[in-house]
C-alpha atoms as a PDB file:
ATOM      1  CA  MET A   1     -18.011  24.450  37.185  1.00  0.00           C
ATOM      2  CA  ILE A   2     -18.094  25.567  40.811  1.00  0.00           C
ATOM      3  CA  ILE A   3     -19.552  23.102  43.303  1.00  0.00           C
ATOM      4  CA  LYS A   4     -20.810  24.723  46.495  1.00  0.00           C
ATOM      5  CA  VAL A   5     -22.228  22.730  49.395  1.00  0.00           C
ATOM      6  CA  CYS A   6     -24.238  24.867  51.783  1.00  0.00           C
ATOM      7  CA  GLY A   7     -25.567  24.542  55.323  1.00  0.00           C
ATOM      8  CA  MET A   8     -22.594  22.896  57.031  1.00  0.00           C
ATOM      9  CA  ARG A   9     -21.964  22.861  60.794  1.00  0.00           C
ATOM     10  CA  ASP A  10     -20.416  19.609  62.026  1.00  0.00           C
ATOM     11  CA  ALA A  11     -16.589  19.462  62.030  1.00  0.00           C
ATOM     12  CA  VAL A  12     -16.301  15.819  60.947  1.00  0.00           C
ATOM     13  CA  ASN A  13     -18.907  16.248  58.219  1.00  0.00           C
ATOM     14  CA  ILE A  14     -17.189  19.444  57.030  1.00  0.00           C
ATOM     15  CA  ARG A  15     -13.871  17.613  56.673  1.00  0.00           C
ATOM     16  CA  GLN A  16     -15.497  14.692  54.831  1.00  0.00           C
ATOM     17  CA  VAL A  17     -17.396  16.909  52.397  1.00  0.00           C
ATOM     18  CA  GLU A  18     -14.371  19.097  51.713  1.00  0.00           C
ATOM     19  CA  SER A  19     -12.372  15.970  50.837  1.00  0.00           C
ATOM     20  CA  LEU A  20     -14.727  15.418  47.872  1.00  0.00           C
ATOM     21  CA  GLY A  21     -13.027  18.305  46.075  1.00  0.00           C
ATOM     22  CA  ILE A  22     -15.771  20.901  46.334  1.00  0.00           C
ATOM     23  CA  ASP A  23     -14.974  24.566  45.660  1.00  0.00           C
ATOM     24  CA  MET A  24     -17.124  26.430  48.204  1.00  0.00           C
ATOM     25  CA  MET A  25     -18.751  25.600  51.525  1.00  0.00           C
ATOM     26  CA  GLY A  26     -21.627  27.602  52.977  1.00  0.00           C
ATOM     27  CA  LEU A  27     -22.063  28.377  56.683  1.00  0.00           C
ATOM     28  CA  ILE A  28     -25.479  29.806  57.558  1.00  0.00           C
ATOM     29  CA  PHE A  29     -25.591  32.684  60.040  1.00  0.00           C
ATOM     30  CA  PHE A  30     -29.353  33.217  59.884  1.00  0.00           C
ATOM     31  CA  PRO A  31     -31.059  32.377  63.218  1.00  0.00           C
ATOM     32  CA  GLY A  32     -34.240  31.352  61.401  1.00  0.00           C
ATOM     33  CA  SER A  33     -32.456  28.457  59.671  1.00  0.00           C
ATOM     34  CA  SER A  34     -32.318  24.890  60.989  1.00  0.00           C
ATOM     35  CA  ARG A  35     -28.685  24.950  59.804  1.00  0.00           C
ATOM     36  CA  TYR A  36     -27.785  28.029  61.861  1.00  0.00           C
ATOM     37  CA  ILE A  37     -24.186  28.023  63.066  1.00  0.00           C
ATOM     38  CA  THR A  38     -23.292  29.969  66.223  1.00  0.00           C
ATOM     39  CA  CYS A  39     -19.635  29.246  66.920  1.00  0.00           C
ATOM     40  CA  PRO A  40     -16.683  27.979  64.879  1.00  0.00           C
ATOM     41  CA  PRO A  41     -16.522  24.165  64.770  1.00  0.00           C
ATOM     42  CA  SER A  42     -13.198  22.484  65.543  1.00  0.00           C
ATOM     43  CA  TYR A  43     -12.550  22.150  61.805  1.00  0.00           C
ATOM     44  CA  LEU A  44     -13.325  24.597  59.014  1.00  0.00           C
ATOM     45  CA  PRO A  45     -12.422  24.099  55.339  1.00  0.00           C
ATOM     46  CA  VAL A  46      -8.909  25.049  54.296  1.00  0.00           C
ATOM     47  CA  LYS A  47      -9.167  24.213  50.585  1.00  0.00           C
ATOM     48  CA  ALA A  48     -12.811  25.036  49.875  1.00  0.00           C
ATOM     49  CA  GLN A  49     -13.731  28.724  50.013  1.00  0.00           C
ATOM     50  CA  ARG A  50     -15.759  29.667  53.090  1.00  0.00           C
ATOM     51  CA  VAL A  51     -19.060  31.387  52.339  1.00  0.00           C
ATOM     52  CA  GLY A  52     -21.057  33.033  55.120  1.00  0.00           C
ATOM     53  CA  VAL A  53     -24.802  33.176  54.436  1.00  0.00           C
ATOM     54  CA  PHE A  54     -26.706  36.112  55.952  1.00  0.00           C
ATOM     55  CA  VAL A  55     -30.280  37.420  55.771  1.00  0.00           C
ATOM     56  CA  ASN A  56     -30.813  41.158  56.306  1.00  0.00           C
ATOM     57  CA  GLU A  57     -28.003  41.262  58.874  1.00  0.00           C
ATOM     58  CA  ASP A  58     -26.347  44.461  60.078  1.00  0.00           C
ATOM     59  CA  SER A  59     -22.939  45.174  58.591  1.00  0.00           C
ATOM     60  CA  ALA A  60     -21.098  45.208  61.932  1.00  0.00           C
ATOM     61  CA  THR A  61     -22.201  41.623  62.639  1.00  0.00           C
ATOM     62  CA  ILE A  62     -21.193  40.507  59.166  1.00  0.00           C
ATOM     63  CA  GLU A  63     -17.758  42.104  59.506  1.00  0.00           C
ATOM     64  CA  SER A  64     -17.243  40.492  62.908  1.00  0.00           C
ATOM     65  CA  LEU A  65     -18.242  37.008  61.730  1.00  0.00           C
ATOM     66  CA  ALA A  66     -16.228  37.396  58.525  1.00  0.00           C
ATOM     67  CA  ARG A  67     -13.143  37.864  60.718  1.00  0.00           C
ATOM     68  CA  ALA A  68     -14.033  35.153  63.271  1.00  0.00           C
ATOM     69  CA  PHE A  69     -14.667  32.505  60.593  1.00  0.00           C
ATOM     70  CA  ALA A  70     -12.134  33.832  58.026  1.00  0.00           C
ATOM     71  CA  LEU A  71     -14.884  33.989  55.402  1.00  0.00           C
ATOM     72  CA  ASN A  72     -13.906  34.290  51.735  1.00  0.00           C
ATOM     73  CA  TYR A  73     -17.366  35.363  50.554  1.00  0.00           C
ATOM     74  CA  ILE A  74     -20.484  36.935  52.048  1.00  0.00           C
ATOM     75  CA  GLN A  75     -23.724  35.534  50.610  1.00  0.00           C
ATOM     76  CA  LEU A  76     -26.714  37.844  51.059  1.00  0.00           C
ATOM     77  CA  HIS A  77     -30.040  36.021  50.991  1.00  0.00           C
ATOM     78  CA  GLY A  78     -32.468  38.743  52.042  1.00  0.00           C
ATOM     79  CA  THR A  79     -33.645  42.090  50.693  1.00  0.00           C
ATOM     80  CA  GLU A  80     -30.268  43.820  51.007  1.00  0.00           C
ATOM     81  CA  SER A  81     -30.074  46.943  48.830  1.00  0.00           C
ATOM     82  CA  PRO A  82     -27.423  47.710  46.204  1.00  0.00           C
ATOM     83  CA  GLU A  83     -26.213  50.524  48.487  1.00  0.00           C
ATOM     84  CA  TYR A  84     -25.769  48.055  51.342  1.00  0.00           C
ATOM     85  CA  CYS A  85     -23.835  45.729  49.056  1.00  0.00           C
ATOM     86  CA  LEU A  86     -21.600  48.599  48.002  1.00  0.00           C
ATOM     87  CA  SER A  87     -20.887  49.465  51.645  1.00  0.00           C
ATOM     88  CA  LEU A  88     -19.732  45.879  52.329  1.00  0.00           C
ATOM     89  CA  ARG A  89     -17.719  45.781  49.148  1.00  0.00           C
ATOM     90  CA  GLU A  90     -15.943  48.985  50.147  1.00  0.00           C
ATOM     91  CA  LYS A  91     -14.848  47.179  53.327  1.00  0.00           C
ATOM     92  CA  GLY A  92     -13.090  44.588  51.162  1.00  0.00           C
ATOM     93  CA  LEU A  93     -15.726  41.851  51.371  1.00  0.00           C
ATOM     94  CA  LYS A  94     -16.532  39.722  48.316  1.00  0.00           C
ATOM     95  CA  LEU A  95     -20.242  39.251  47.749  1.00  0.00           C
ATOM     96  CA  ILE A  96     -22.687  36.677  46.417  1.00  0.00           C
ATOM     97  CA  LYS A  97     -26.310  37.856  46.135  1.00  0.00           C
ATOM     98  CA  ALA A  98     -29.191  35.391  46.063  1.00  0.00           C
ATOM     99  CA  PHE A  99     -32.383  35.993  44.089  1.00  0.00           C
ATOM    100  CA  SER A 100     -35.614  33.998  44.352  1.00  0.00           C
ATOM    101  CA  VAL A 101     -36.965  33.104  40.931  1.00  0.00           C
ATOM    102  CA  SER A 102     -40.403  32.003  39.748  1.00  0.00           C
ATOM    103  CA  SER A 103     -40.847  34.124  36.601  1.00  0.00           C
ATOM    104  CA  PRO A 104     -38.749  36.199  34.147  1.00  0.00           C
ATOM    105  CA  ALA A 105     -39.857  39.371  35.972  1.00  0.00           C
ATOM    106  CA  ASP A 106     -37.834  38.305  39.029  1.00  0.00           C
ATOM    107  CA  LEU A 107     -34.609  38.624  37.022  1.00  0.00           C
ATOM    108  CA  ALA A 108     -35.055  42.370  36.500  1.00  0.00           C
ATOM    109  CA  GLU A 109     -33.987  42.919  40.114  1.00  0.00           C
ATOM    110  CA  THR A 110     -30.472  41.673  39.301  1.00  0.00           C
ATOM    111  CA  GLU A 111     -29.737  44.715  37.131  1.00  0.00           C
ATOM    112  CA  LYS A 112     -29.316  46.947  40.209  1.00  0.00           C
ATOM    113  CA  TYR A 113     -26.582  44.662  41.556  1.00  0.00           C
ATOM    114  CA  GLU A 114     -24.395  44.396  38.454  1.00  0.00           C
ATOM    115  CA  GLY A 115     -20.783  45.171  39.315  1.00  0.00           C
ATOM    116  CA  LEU A 116     -21.358  44.733  43.055  1.00  0.00           C
ATOM    117  CA  CYS A 117     -21.135  40.936  43.375  1.00  0.00           C
ATOM    118  CA  GLU A 118     -18.731  38.244  42.285  1.00  0.00           C
ATOM    119  CA  TYR A 119     -21.653  35.850  41.756  1.00  0.00           C
ATOM    120  CA  PHE A 120     -25.424  35.692  41.869  1.00  0.00           C
ATOM    121  CA  ILE A 121     -27.351  32.671  43.126  1.00  0.00           C
ATOM    122  CA  PHE A 122     -30.707  31.855  41.556  1.00  0.00           C
ATOM    123  CA  ASP A 123     -32.908  29.986  44.013  1.00  0.00           C
ATOM    124  CA  THR A 124     -36.503  28.775  44.137  1.00  0.00           C
ATOM    125  CA  LYS A 125     -39.018  31.371  45.316  1.00  0.00           C
ATOM    126  CA  CYS A 126     -40.698  30.221  48.536  1.00  0.00           C
ATOM    127  CA  GLU A 127     -42.160  31.553  51.790  1.00  0.00           C
ATOM    128  CA  GLY A 128     -38.832  31.600  53.639  1.00  0.00           C
ATOM    129  CA  HIS A 129     -35.300  32.545  52.634  1.00  0.00           C
ATOM    130  CA  GLY A 130     -34.324  29.537  50.519  1.00  0.00           C
ATOM    131  CA  GLY A 131     -34.155  25.940  51.696  1.00  0.00           C
ATOM    132  CA  SER A 132     -37.378  24.910  49.946  1.00  0.00           C
ATOM    133  CA  GLY A 133     -35.840  21.721  48.556  1.00  0.00           C
ATOM    134  CA  LYS A 134     -37.725  22.430  45.328  1.00  0.00           C
ATOM    135  CA  GLN A 135     -36.346  23.109  41.872  1.00  0.00           C
ATOM    136  CA  PHE A 136     -37.598  26.057  39.838  1.00  0.00           C
ATOM    137  CA  ASP A 137     -38.013  26.150  36.060  1.00  0.00           C
ATOM    138  CA  TRP A 138     -34.477  26.811  34.822  1.00  0.00           C
ATOM    139  CA  SER A 139     -35.727  27.781  31.364  1.00  0.00           C
ATOM    140  CA  ILE A 140     -36.680  31.130  32.955  1.00  0.00           C
ATOM    141  CA  LEU A 141     -32.967  31.947  33.075  1.00  0.00           C
ATOM    142  CA  SER A 142     -32.870  32.283  29.291  1.00  0.00           C
ATOM    143  CA  HIS A 143     -34.187  35.788  30.068  1.00  0.00           C
ATOM    144  CA  TYR A 144     -31.124  36.627  32.205  1.00  0.00           C
ATOM    145  CA  ARG A 145     -28.894  38.966  30.208  1.00  0.00           C
ATOM    146  CA  GLY A 146     -26.590  40.094  32.995  1.00  0.00           C
ATOM    147  CA  LYS A 147     -22.813  39.959  33.051  1.00  0.00           C
ATOM    148  CA  THR A 148     -22.505  38.530  36.579  1.00  0.00           C
ATOM    149  CA  PRO A 149     -21.912  34.745  36.628  1.00  0.00           C
ATOM    150  CA  PHE A 150     -24.418  32.695  38.622  1.00  0.00           C
ATOM    151  CA  LEU A 151     -24.825  29.483  40.581  1.00  0.00           C
ATOM    152  CA  LEU A 152     -27.967  27.377  40.308  1.00  0.00           C
ATOM    153  CA  SER A 153     -29.640  26.568  43.611  1.00  0.00           C
ATOM    154  CA  GLY A 154     -32.943  25.207  44.855  1.00  0.00           C
ATOM    155  CA  GLY A 155     -33.722  21.522  45.197  1.00  0.00           C
ATOM    156  CA  ILE A 156     -30.822  20.155  43.155  1.00  0.00           C
ATOM    157  CA  SER A 157     -30.714  16.407  43.767  1.00  0.00           C
ATOM    158  CA  PRO A 158     -29.142  13.257  42.267  1.00  0.00           C
ATOM    159  CA  GLU A 159     -32.121  13.200  39.913  1.00  0.00           C
ATOM    160  CA  SER A 160     -31.082  16.611  38.515  1.00  0.00           C
ATOM    161  CA  ILE A 161     -27.988  15.313  36.699  1.00  0.00           C
ATOM    162  CA  ASP A 162     -29.533  15.096  33.222  1.00  0.00           C
ATOM    163  CA  ASP A 163     -31.160  18.519  33.564  1.00  0.00           C
ATOM    164  CA  LEU A 164     -27.854  20.027  34.673  1.00  0.00           C
ATOM    165  CA  LYS A 165     -25.941  18.489  31.793  1.00  0.00           C
ATOM    166  CA  ASN A 166     -28.487  19.847  29.336  1.00  0.00           C
ATOM    167  CA  PHE A 167     -28.629  23.325  30.868  1.00  0.00           C
ATOM    168  CA  ARG A 168     -26.817  26.028  28.908  1.00  0.00           C
ATOM    169  CA  HIS A 169     -26.167  29.682  29.716  1.00  0.00           C
ATOM    170  CA  GLU A 170     -23.034  31.720  29.112  1.00  0.00           C
ATOM    171  CA  GLN A 171     -23.044  32.973  32.735  1.00  0.00           C
ATOM    172  CA  PHE A 172     -23.732  29.565  34.320  1.00  0.00           C
ATOM    173  CA  ALA A 173     -20.807  29.144  36.732  1.00  0.00           C
ATOM    174  CA  GLY A 174     -21.798  26.306  39.043  1.00  0.00           C
ATOM    175  CA  ILE A 175     -24.255  24.696  41.456  1.00  0.00           C
ATOM    176  CA  ASP A 176     -25.253  25.068  45.090  1.00  0.00           C
ATOM    177  CA  LEU A 177     -26.202  21.849  46.924  1.00  0.00           C
ATOM    178  CA  ASN A 178     -27.940  21.521  50.261  1.00  0.00           C
ATOM    179  CA  SER A 179     -31.091  19.848  51.577  1.00  0.00           C
ATOM    180  CA  ARG A 180     -31.487  17.092  49.001  1.00  0.00           C
ATOM    181  CA  PHE A 181     -28.173  15.605  50.149  1.00  0.00           C
ATOM    182  CA  GLU A 182     -28.875  15.620  53.877  1.00  0.00           C
ATOM    183  CA  THR A 183     -29.564  12.943  56.460  1.00  0.00           C
ATOM    184  CA  ALA A 184     -30.603  15.699  58.916  1.00  0.00           C
ATOM    185  CA  PRO A 185     -30.348  19.512  58.854  1.00  0.00           C
ATOM    186  CA  ALA A 186     -26.667  20.484  58.437  1.00  0.00           C
ATOM    187  CA  MET A 187     -25.563  16.834  58.071  1.00  0.00           C
ATOM    188  CA  LYS A 188     -24.684  15.776  54.531  1.00  0.00           C
ATOM    189  CA  ASN A 189     -24.724  12.236  53.147  1.00  0.00           C
ATOM    190  CA  VAL A 190     -21.116  12.015  51.981  1.00  0.00           C
ATOM    191  CA  GLU A 191     -21.587   8.921  49.804  1.00  0.00           C
ATOM    192  CA  LYS A 192     -24.573  10.460  48.039  1.00  0.00           C
ATOM    193  CA  LEU A 193     -22.628  13.668  47.415  1.00  0.00           C
ATOM    194  CA  GLN A 194     -19.610  11.740  46.177  1.00  0.00           C
ATOM    195  CA  ARG A 195     -21.647   9.811  43.614  1.00  0.00           C
ATOM    196  CA  PHE A 196     -23.369  12.978  42.429  1.00  0.00           C
ATOM    197  CA  ILE A 197     -20.143  14.993  42.094  1.00  0.00           C
ATOM    198  CA  LYS A 198     -18.458  12.192  40.170  1.00  0.00           C
ATOM    199  CA  GLU A 199     -21.394  12.061  37.739  1.00  0.00           C
ATOM    200  CA  PHE A 200     -21.594  15.850  37.468  1.00  0.00           C
ATOM    201  CA  LYS A 201     -17.905  16.148  36.554  1.00  0.00           C
ATOM    202  CA  LYS A 202     -18.087  13.514  33.782  1.00  0.00           C
END
């Protein structure tokens, strides 16, 4: 199971969270986010994979930031088209595409992106681009028949452990953690994360 922690910015906090043995760390390059990162901190993860999160960004900016931050994955959290994804993929970038979910009908959109992304992320549908802190009804994902593995996102908290352990899907690849483990935007509570990860891995 992949454990991704998203919305990181502070060098000390990045180092502490990486030391918990997570697999991916998300850096948000969307100016509308309270976790927006503008320049490389003095420490970036060396063991955890670096994921750059973008919303309807132009490809030149993504390519530039992918080089500057040595990103391993590009996570697209807007309305990026399959053609746009293909253009990034042809430049050698590995993609994760996020989808907002509130009903089975929302999953139909994923079909256009099959074969273009390493992973999908299923997040809670809200007014903005993620970050709602709310959990959607995971039973909806029983309608997902795609071949692309996915991460669960949206309001996962320490109270989600039992639900996570009971959740089953053949393409379920991991979880994406963010706001419910924060003391402030972009600052994670390391002890809270540590306890959760230990319980999740049991």
